[in-house]
PDB file of N, CA and C in Angstrom:
ATOM      1  N   MET A   1      56.420  -2.763  30.057  1.00  0.00           N
ATOM      2  CA  MET A   1      55.129  -4.125  29.360  1.00  0.00           C
ATOM      3  C   MET A   1      55.983  -3.793  27.449  1.00  0.00           C
ATOM      4  N   PRO A   2      55.571  -2.824  26.811  1.00  0.00           N
ATOM      5  CA  PRO A   2      55.780  -3.050  25.723  1.00  0.00           C
ATOM      6  C   PRO A   2      57.130  -3.916  25.219  1.00  0.00           C
ATOM      7  N   LYS A   3      58.340  -2.938  25.986  1.00  0.00           N
ATOM      8  CA  LYS A   3      59.088  -4.374  25.879  1.00  0.00           C
ATOM      9  C   LYS A   3      59.357  -5.306  25.659  1.00  0.00           C
ATOM     10  N   VAL A   4      58.520  -5.695  26.168  1.00  0.00           N
ATOM     11  CA  VAL A   4      58.680  -7.626  26.425  1.00  0.00           C
ATOM     12  C   VAL A   4      57.641  -8.301  26.000  1.00  0.00           C
ATOM     13  N   ARG A   5      56.288  -7.737  24.887  1.00  0.00           N
ATOM     14  CA  ARG A   5      55.707  -7.948  24.339  1.00  0.00           C
ATOM     15  C   ARG A   5      56.353  -7.893  23.047  1.00  0.00           C
ATOM     16  N   LYS A   6      56.969  -6.766  21.867  1.00  0.00           N
ATOM     17  CA  LYS A   6      57.781  -6.653  21.673  1.00  0.00           C
ATOM     18  C   LYS A   6      58.742  -7.720  21.110  1.00  0.00           C
ATOM     19  N   HIS A   7      59.558  -8.237  22.230  1.00  0.00           N
ATOM     20  CA  HIS A   7      61.165  -9.117  22.214  1.00  0.00           C
ATOM     21  C   HIS A   7      60.149 -10.624  21.978  1.00  0.00           C
ATOM     22  N   LEU A   8      58.509 -10.610  22.272  1.00  0.00           N
ATOM     23  CA  LEU A   8      58.142 -12.059  22.266  1.00  0.00           C
ATOM     24  C   LEU A   8      57.706 -12.535  21.028  1.00  0.00           C
ATOM     25  N   ARG A   9      56.854 -10.990  20.102  1.00  0.00           N
ATOM     26  CA  ARG A   9      56.992 -10.675  19.042  1.00  0.00           C
ATOM     27  C   ARG A   9      57.164 -10.809  18.044  1.00  0.00           C
ATOM     28  N   GLY A  10      58.280  -9.845  17.806  1.00  0.00           N
ATOM     29  CA  GLY A  10      59.148  -9.224  17.296  1.00  0.00           C
ATOM     30  C   GLY A  10      60.685  -9.419  17.093  1.00  0.00           C
ATOM     31  N   GLY A  11      60.783  -9.542  17.651  1.00  0.00           N
ATOM     32  CA  GLY A  11      62.535 -10.258  18.667  1.00  0.00           C
ATOM     33  C   GLY A  11      64.319  -9.809  17.645  1.00  0.00           C
ATOM     34  N   SER A  12      64.694 -10.319  18.179  1.00  0.00           N
ATOM     35  CA  SER A  12      65.596 -10.313  17.065  1.00  0.00           C
ATOM     36  C   SER A  12      66.917 -11.072  16.800  1.00  0.00           C
ATOM     37  N   GLY A  13      66.949 -11.140  15.504  1.00  0.00           N
ATOM     38  CA  GLY A  13      67.839 -12.137  15.893  1.00  0.00           C
ATOM     39  C   GLY A  13      67.336 -12.757  14.181  1.00  0.00           C
ATOM     40  N   PRO A  14      68.296 -14.619  13.759  1.00  0.00           N
ATOM     41  CA  PRO A  14      67.476 -14.812  12.727  1.00  0.00           C
ATOM     42  C   PRO A  14      66.090 -15.915  12.636  1.00  0.00           C
ATOM     43  N   PHE A  15      65.556 -15.561  14.168  1.00  0.00           N
ATOM     44  CA  PHE A  15      64.381 -16.089  14.158  1.00  0.00           C
ATOM     45  C   PHE A  15      63.342 -15.531  14.257  1.00  0.00           C
ATOM     46  N   ARG A  16      63.893 -13.969  14.759  1.00  0.00           N
ATOM     47  CA  ARG A  16      62.538 -12.707  14.957  1.00  0.00           C
ATOM     48  C   ARG A  16      61.709 -13.863  15.951  1.00  0.00           C
ATOM     49  N   GLY A  17      61.996 -13.793  17.437  1.00  0.00           N
ATOM     50  CA  GLY A  17      61.172 -13.861  18.186  1.00  0.00           C
ATOM     51  C   GLY A  17      60.714 -15.288  18.510  1.00  0.00           C
ATOM     52  N   ILE A  18      59.987 -16.152  19.237  1.00  0.00           N
ATOM     53  CA  ILE A  18      59.944 -17.499  19.811  1.00  0.00           C
ATOM     54  C   ILE A  18      59.411 -18.672  18.431  1.00  0.00           C
ATOM     55  N   VAL A  19      59.729 -18.917  18.570  1.00  0.00           N
ATOM     56  CA  VAL A  19      59.408 -20.160  16.877  1.00  0.00           C
ATOM     57  C   VAL A  19      59.067 -21.245  17.888  1.00  0.00           C
ATOM     58  N   GLY A  20      58.021 -22.396  17.406  1.00  0.00           N
ATOM     59  CA  GLY A  20      57.449 -22.507  17.642  1.00  0.00           C
ATOM     60  C   GLY A  20      56.513 -22.880  18.854  1.00  0.00           C
ATOM     61  N   TYR A  21      57.158 -22.190  19.926  1.00  0.00           N
ATOM     62  CA  TYR A  21      55.768 -21.873  21.413  1.00  0.00           C
ATOM     63  C   TYR A  21      54.561 -21.003  20.821  1.00  0.00           C
ATOM     64  N   PRO A  22      53.080 -21.922  21.578  1.00  0.00           N
ATOM     65  CA  PRO A  22      51.931 -21.435  21.386  1.00  0.00           C
ATOM     66  C   PRO A  22      52.250 -20.174  21.683  1.00  0.00           C
ATOM     67  N   LEU A  23      51.596 -19.320  21.183  1.00  0.00           N
ATOM     68  CA  LEU A  23      51.313 -17.622  22.384  1.00  0.00           C
ATOM     69  C   LEU A  23      50.179 -18.598  22.880  1.00  0.00           C
ATOM     70  N   GLU A  24      48.904 -19.038  23.184  1.00  0.00           N
ATOM     71  CA  GLU A  24      47.642 -19.129  23.795  1.00  0.00           C
ATOM     72  C   GLU A  24      48.333 -19.559  25.230  1.00  0.00           C
ATOM     73  N   GLN A  25      49.848 -21.232  25.181  1.00  0.00           N
ATOM     74  CA  GLN A  25      50.123 -21.359  25.905  1.00  0.00           C
ATOM     75  C   GLN A  25      50.812 -20.787  26.946  1.00  0.00           C
ATOM     76  N   LEU A  26      51.554 -19.899  26.473  1.00  0.00           N
ATOM     77  CA  LEU A  26      52.378 -18.345  27.015  1.00  0.00           C
ATOM     78  C   LEU A  26      51.166 -18.106  28.234  1.00  0.00           C
ATOM     79  N   TYR A  27      50.370 -17.446  27.279  1.00  0.00           N
ATOM     80  CA  TYR A  27      49.565 -16.586  28.199  1.00  0.00           C
ATOM     81  C   TYR A  27      48.618 -17.103  29.889  1.00  0.00           C
ATOM     82  N   GLU A  28      48.176 -18.872  28.845  1.00  0.00           N
ATOM     83  CA  GLU A  28      48.018 -19.547  30.173  1.00  0.00           C
ATOM     84  C   GLU A  28      48.532 -19.846  31.526  1.00  0.00           C
ATOM     85  N   GLU A  29      50.025 -19.837  30.700  1.00  0.00           N
ATOM     86  CA  GLU A  29      50.966 -20.169  31.883  1.00  0.00           C
ATOM     87  C   GLU A  29      51.816 -18.917  32.747  1.00  0.00           C
ATOM     88  N   ALA A  30      51.755 -17.596  32.117  1.00  0.00           N
ATOM     89  CA  ALA A  30      51.601 -16.393  32.903  1.00  0.00           C
ATOM     90  C   ALA A  30      50.862 -16.051  33.790  1.00  0.00           C
ATOM     91  N   ALA A  31      49.326 -16.398  33.261  1.00  0.00           N
ATOM     92  CA  ALA A  31      48.311 -16.334  34.443  1.00  0.00           C
ATOM     93  C   ALA A  31      48.017 -16.931  35.499  1.00  0.00           C
ATOM     94  N   PHE A  32      48.847 -18.280  35.453  1.00  0.00           N
ATOM     95  CA  PHE A  32      48.397 -19.367  36.339  1.00  0.00           C
ATOM     96  C   PHE A  32      49.707 -18.828  37.599  1.00  0.00           C
ATOM     97  N   ILE A  33      50.860 -18.623  37.235  1.00  0.00           N
ATOM     98  CA  ILE A  33      52.133 -18.041  38.090  1.00  0.00           C
ATOM     99  C   ILE A  33      51.811 -17.308  38.203  1.00  0.00           C
ATOM    100  N   ALA A  34      51.568 -15.989  37.361  1.00  0.00           N
ATOM    101  CA  ALA A  34      50.460 -14.612  38.084  1.00  0.00           C
ATOM    102  C   ALA A  34      50.007 -14.803  38.950  1.00  0.00           C
ATOM    103  N   SER A  35      49.129 -15.428  39.230  1.00  0.00           N
ATOM    104  CA  SER A  35      47.946 -15.610  40.041  1.00  0.00           C
ATOM    105  C   SER A  35      47.831 -16.402  41.311  1.00  0.00           C
ATOM    106  N   HIS A  36      48.980 -16.671  41.207  1.00  0.00           N
ATOM    107  CA  HIS A  36      49.573 -17.630  42.430  1.00  0.00           C
ATOM    108  C   HIS A  36      50.383 -17.278  43.603  1.00  0.00           C
ATOM    109  N   PHE A  37      51.096 -16.469  42.493  1.00  0.00           N
ATOM    110  CA  PHE A  37      52.430 -15.969  43.272  1.00  0.00           C
ATOM    111  C   PHE A  37      51.775 -14.015  43.313  1.00  0.00           C
ATOM    112  N   HIS A  38      51.063 -13.364  42.801  1.00  0.00           N
ATOM    113  CA  HIS A  38      51.428 -12.408  42.430  1.00  0.00           C
ATOM    114  C   HIS A  38      52.097 -11.714  42.266  1.00  0.00           C
ATOM    115  N   TRP A  39      53.250 -12.493  40.909  1.00  0.00           N
ATOM    116  CA  TRP A  39      53.927 -11.708  39.723  1.00  0.00           C
ATOM    117  C   TRP A  39      53.707 -11.190  39.112  1.00  0.00           C
ATOM    118  N   SER A  40      54.298  -9.778  38.383  1.00  0.00           N
ATOM    119  CA  SER A  40      53.850  -8.822  37.092  1.00  0.00           C
ATOM    120  C   SER A  40      53.922  -9.702  35.661  1.00  0.00           C
ATOM    121  N   GLU A  41      53.079  -9.472  34.932  1.00  0.00           N
ATOM    122  CA  GLU A  41      53.576  -9.825  33.952  1.00  0.00           C
ATOM    123  C   GLU A  41      54.767  -9.874  33.239  1.00  0.00           C
ATOM    124  N   VAL A  42      55.684  -8.696  33.415  1.00  0.00           N
ATOM    125  CA  VAL A  42      57.552  -8.996  32.937  1.00  0.00           C
ATOM    126  C   VAL A  42      58.035 -10.000  33.758  1.00  0.00           C
ATOM    127  N   GLU A  43      57.817  -9.788  34.965  1.00  0.00           N
ATOM    128  CA  GLU A  43      58.634 -10.892  35.363  1.00  0.00           C
ATOM    129  C   GLU A  43      58.193 -12.281  34.924  1.00  0.00           C
ATOM    130  N   VAL A  44      57.217 -12.455  34.470  1.00  0.00           N
ATOM    131  CA  VAL A  44      56.348 -13.993  34.030  1.00  0.00           C
ATOM    132  C   VAL A  44      57.220 -14.035  32.658  1.00  0.00           C
ATOM    133  N   LEU A  45      56.935 -13.290  31.641  1.00  0.00           N
ATOM    134  CA  LEU A  45      57.212 -13.108  30.503  1.00  0.00           C
ATOM    135  C   LEU A  45      58.399 -12.828  30.370  1.00  0.00           C
ATOM    136  N   SER A  46      59.291 -12.871  30.809  1.00  0.00           N
ATOM    137  CA  SER A  46      61.075 -12.440  31.340  1.00  0.00           C
ATOM    138  C   SER A  46      61.357 -14.175  31.195  1.00  0.00           C
ATOM    139  N   MET A  47      60.759 -15.129  32.130  1.00  0.00           N
ATOM    140  CA  MET A  47      61.359 -16.195  32.981  1.00  0.00           C
ATOM    141  C   MET A  47      61.313 -17.536  30.993  1.00  0.00           C
ATOM    142  N   GLU A  48      62.246 -18.039  30.656  1.00  0.00           N
ATOM    143  CA  GLU A  48      62.423 -18.791  29.750  1.00  0.00           C
ATOM    144  C   GLU A  48      61.396 -20.002  30.114  1.00  0.00           C
ATOM    145  N   HIS A  49      61.130 -20.722  28.535  1.00  0.00           N
ATOM    146  CA  HIS A  49      60.249 -21.661  28.780  1.00  0.00           C
ATOM    147  C   HIS A  49      60.170 -23.104  29.845  1.00  0.00           C
ATOM    148  N   TRP A  50      61.195 -23.511  30.059  1.00  0.00           N
ATOM    149  CA  TRP A  50      61.934 -23.915  30.882  1.00  0.00           C
ATOM    150  C   TRP A  50      61.129 -23.528  32.310  1.00  0.00           C
ATOM    151  N   GLU A  51      62.140 -22.539  32.388  1.00  0.00           N
ATOM    152  CA  GLU A  51      61.303 -22.493  33.884  1.00  0.00           C
ATOM    153  C   GLU A  51      59.725 -21.919  34.826  1.00  0.00           C
ATOM    154  N   ARG A  52      59.169 -21.424  33.617  1.00  0.00           N
ATOM    155  CA  ARG A  52      57.906 -20.749  33.634  1.00  0.00           C
ATOM    156  C   ARG A  52      56.609 -22.088  33.940  1.00  0.00           C
ATOM    157  N   ARG A  53      57.386 -23.318  33.337  1.00  0.00           N
ATOM    158  CA  ARG A  53      56.644 -24.909  32.935  1.00  0.00           C
ATOM    159  C   ARG A  53      57.009 -25.468  34.833  1.00  0.00           C
ATOM    160  N   ARG A  54      58.395 -25.200  35.165  1.00  0.00           N
ATOM    161  CA  ARG A  54      58.252 -25.455  36.305  1.00  0.00           C
ATOM    162  C   ARG A  54      57.730 -24.305  37.470  1.00  0.00           C
ATOM    163  N   TRP A  55      58.030 -23.937  37.282  1.00  0.00           N
ATOM    164  CA  TRP A  55      57.025 -22.755  38.504  1.00  0.00           C
ATOM    165  C   TRP A  55      55.618 -23.618  37.931  1.00  0.00           C
ATOM    166  N   CYS A  56      55.005 -24.082  37.264  1.00  0.00           N
ATOM    167  CA  CYS A  56      53.573 -24.469  36.399  1.00  0.00           C
ATOM    168  C   CYS A  56      53.883 -25.628  37.735  1.00  0.00           C
ATOM    169  N   GLU A  57      54.321 -26.559  37.308  1.00  0.00           N
ATOM    170  CA  GLU A  57      54.606 -27.708  37.965  1.00  0.00           C
ATOM    171  C   GLU A  57      54.550 -27.905  39.274  1.00  0.00           C
ATOM    172  N   GLU A  58      55.402 -26.670  40.320  1.00  0.00           N
ATOM    173  CA  GLU A  58      54.781 -26.693  41.161  1.00  0.00           C
ATOM    174  C   GLU A  58      54.065 -25.955  41.651  1.00  0.00           C
ATOM    175  N   ILE A  59      53.178 -25.125  41.238  1.00  0.00           N
ATOM    176  CA  ILE A  59      51.970 -24.778  41.605  1.00  0.00           C
ATOM    177  C   ILE A  59      51.053 -25.612  41.894  1.00  0.00           C
ATOM    178  N   SER A  60      51.138 -26.467  40.920  1.00  0.00           N
ATOM    179  CA  SER A  60      50.101 -27.655  40.437  1.00  0.00           C
ATOM    180  C   SER A  60      50.181 -28.641  41.824  1.00  0.00           C
ATOM    181  N   ARG A  61      51.484 -28.812  41.899  1.00  0.00           N
ATOM    182  CA  ARG A  61      52.068 -29.791  43.444  1.00  0.00           C
ATOM    183  C   ARG A  61      51.045 -29.319  44.424  1.00  0.00           C
ATOM    184  N   MET A  62      52.024 -27.637  44.968  1.00  0.00           N
ATOM    185  CA  MET A  62      50.854 -27.095  46.308  1.00  0.00           C
ATOM    186  C   MET A  62      49.465 -27.362  45.880  1.00  0.00           C
ATOM    187  N   ASN A  63      48.561 -27.319  45.061  1.00  0.00           N
ATOM    188  CA  ASN A  63      47.289 -27.062  44.939  1.00  0.00           C
ATOM    189  C   ASN A  63      46.873 -29.119  45.076  1.00  0.00           C
ATOM    190  N   ARG A  64      46.380 -30.041  44.725  1.00  0.00           N
ATOM    191  CA  ARG A  64      47.402 -31.070  44.726  1.00  0.00           C
ATOM    192  C   ARG A  64      47.102 -31.325  46.122  1.00  0.00           C
ATOM    193  N   THR A  65      48.729 -31.094  46.802  1.00  0.00           N
ATOM    194  CA  THR A  65      48.824 -31.713  48.523  1.00  0.00           C
ATOM    195  C   THR A  65      47.776 -30.584  49.642  1.00  0.00           C
ATOM    196  N   LEU A  66      47.583 -29.288  48.771  1.00  0.00           N
ATOM    197  CA  LEU A  66      46.178 -28.057  49.866  1.00  0.00           C
ATOM    198  C   LEU A  66      45.026 -29.119  49.855  1.00  0.00           C
ATOM    199  N   ASN A  67      44.927 -29.603  47.897  1.00  0.00           N
ATOM    200  CA  ASN A  67      43.696 -29.943  48.148  1.00  0.00           C
ATOM    201  C   ASN A  67      43.238 -31.316  49.191  1.00  0.00           C
ATOM    202  N   ASP A  68      44.468 -32.541  48.790  1.00  0.00           N
ATOM    203  CA  ASP A  68      44.278 -33.535  49.693  1.00  0.00           C
ATOM    204  C   ASP A  68      44.018 -32.720  51.078  1.00  0.00           C
ATOM    205  N   THR A  69      44.376 -32.414  51.412  1.00  0.00           N
ATOM    206  CA  THR A  69      44.942 -31.966  52.699  1.00  0.00           C
ATOM    207  C   THR A  69      43.295 -31.448  54.088  1.00  0.00           C
ATOM    208  N   MET A  70      42.591 -30.855  52.575  1.00  0.00           N
ATOM    209  CA  MET A  70      41.012 -30.563  52.917  1.00  0.00           C
ATOM    210  C   MET A  70      40.363 -31.182  53.022  1.00  0.00           C
ATOM    211  N   ARG A  71      40.642 -32.041  51.421  1.00  0.00           N
ATOM    212  CA  ARG A  71      39.570 -33.720  51.994  1.00  0.00           C
ATOM    213  C   ARG A  71      39.852 -34.750  53.108  1.00  0.00           C
ATOM    214  N   ARG A  72      40.578 -34.859  53.346  1.00  0.00           N
ATOM    215  CA  ARG A  72      41.136 -35.126  54.934  1.00  0.00           C
ATOM    216  C   ARG A  72      40.679 -34.456  56.068  1.00  0.00           C
ATOM    217  N   ALA A  73      40.538 -32.865  56.332  1.00  0.00           N
ATOM    218  CA  ALA A  73      40.207 -32.747  57.519  1.00  0.00           C
ATOM    219  C   ALA A  73      38.289 -32.232  57.736  1.00  0.00           C
TER     220      ALA A  73
END
């Protein structure tokens, strides 16, 4: 976990970490994915932005389908 946080906050190279990506949104995405799939913080934070967003969309789709099914029952 410390390696991930160091990478996210300090990074390496000319830009020193994530540029222009709100840290609050990163934590929201990580919590959303981890709570549904029980993946570790390291696994979720190691994903590329597009991949985290894609999993968030898929979880939301699954939740909508489940909610619709429960309403019809």
